[in-house]
Amino acid sequence: MPTAAEQQVLALLAKEWDYTGPPGILDISDVVAALPLAPSETLEAVKTLFACGLIDMNTLKSSAFLTPEGYDTARDDGESHLKS
């Protein structure tokens, strides 16, 4: 089950996916700025979601985007693929 921070990251990227089309790419700094979390908490959530395969990143690790599994998890309110 994703943590609250992880759910917020997934929801934000899913919203971007819905508005701009798959895969919903956002710069990491935009993710940090958009969420009401400490930057360290947001970055830890991004790291965990990446490790679980729910999001992916560009080669420079400066942008994040959802995988299809991540989008499904975001839409299922996080009933997930995460292993806590």
Protein backbone atom coordinates (compact mmCIF):
# COMPACT_ATOMS: atom_id res chain seq x y z
CA MET A 1 0.00 0.00 0.00
CA PRO A 2 1.52 3.33 -1.00
CA THR A 3 2.15 5.87 1.73
CA ALA A 4 0.25 9.16 1.68
CA ALA A 5 3.25 10.88 0.06
CA GLU A 6 3.55 8.16 -2.59
CA GLN A 7 -0.17 8.42 -3.33
CA GLN A 8 0.18 12.18 -3.79
CA VAL A 9 3.04 11.73 -6.25
CA LEU A 10 1.07 9.10 -8.18
CA ALA A 11 -2.04 11.30 -8.24
CA LEU A 12 -0.08 14.31 -9.51
CA LEU A 13 1.56 12.31 -12.30
CA ALA A 14 -1.80 10.70 -13.19
CA LYS A 15 -3.35 14.15 -13.45
CA GLU A 16 -0.56 15.19 -15.83
CA TRP A 17 -1.13 11.95 -17.80
CA ASP A 18 -4.85 12.79 -18.09
CA TYR A 19 -4.22 16.38 -19.25
CA THR A 20 -1.24 15.94 -21.58
CA GLY A 21 -1.44 12.27 -22.45
CA PRO A 22 0.75 9.35 -21.47
CA PRO A 23 3.14 9.08 -19.78
CA GLY A 24 2.51 12.34 -17.85
CA ILE A 25 6.07 13.67 -17.67
CA LEU A 26 6.90 16.24 -14.99
CA ASP A 27 10.20 17.71 -13.93
CA ILE A 28 11.17 16.49 -10.45
CA SER A 29 11.42 20.09 -9.23
CA ASP A 30 7.82 20.66 -10.40
CA VAL A 31 6.68 17.59 -8.46
CA VAL A 32 8.42 18.89 -5.33
CA ALA A 33 6.92 22.36 -5.79
CA ALA A 34 3.38 21.10 -6.44
CA LEU A 35 3.00 18.90 -3.39
CA PRO A 36 2.43 20.10 0.19
CA LEU A 37 5.24 17.90 1.49
CA ALA A 38 8.80 18.45 2.58
CA PRO A 39 11.13 18.13 -0.41
CA SER A 40 12.92 15.23 1.24
CA GLU A 41 9.61 13.39 1.74
CA THR A 42 8.64 13.93 -1.90
CA LEU A 43 12.02 12.77 -3.17
CA GLU A 44 11.87 9.67 -0.97
CA ALA A 45 8.41 8.87 -2.38
CA VAL A 46 9.72 9.29 -5.94
CA LYS A 47 12.66 7.00 -5.15
CA THR A 48 10.39 4.31 -3.69
CA LEU A 49 7.92 4.48 -6.58
CA PHE A 50 10.81 4.23 -9.05
CA ALA A 51 12.21 1.18 -7.24
CA CYS A 52 8.78 -0.47 -7.39
CA GLY A 53 8.40 0.22 -11.10
CA LEU A 54 5.38 2.50 -10.76
CA ILE A 55 7.22 5.50 -12.15
CA ASP A 56 10.19 5.85 -14.44
CA MET A 57 12.68 8.66 -14.96
CA ASN A 58 14.66 10.09 -17.82
CA THR A 59 18.36 9.19 -18.00
CA LEU A 60 19.37 12.36 -16.12
CA LYS A 61 16.88 11.57 -13.32
CA SER A 62 15.46 15.09 -13.69
CA SER A 63 11.95 14.12 -14.87
CA ALA A 64 9.51 11.49 -13.69
CA PHE A 65 6.59 9.83 -15.40
CA LEU A 66 4.14 7.03 -14.74
CA THR A 67 4.44 3.52 -16.03
CA PRO A 68 1.14 1.91 -17.08
CA GLU A 69 1.18 0.03 -13.76
CA GLY A 70 1.69 3.32 -11.93
CA TYR A 71 -1.26 4.87 -13.71
CA ASP A 72 -3.44 1.89 -12.81
CA THR A 73 -2.32 2.13 -9.20
CA ALA A 74 -3.08 5.86 -9.09
CA ARG A 75 -6.53 5.23 -10.53
CA ASP A 76 -7.18 2.35 -8.11
CA ASP A 77 -6.47 4.71 -5.19
CA GLY A 78 -3.21 2.95 -4.55
CA GLU A 79 -4.34 -0.67 -4.13
CA SER A 80 -1.00 -1.50 -5.24
CA HIS A 81 2.06 -3.09 -6.44
CA LEU A 82 4.12 -1.55 -3.65
CA LYS A 83 5.73 -3.82 -1.14
CA SER A 84 6.06 -2.05 2.20
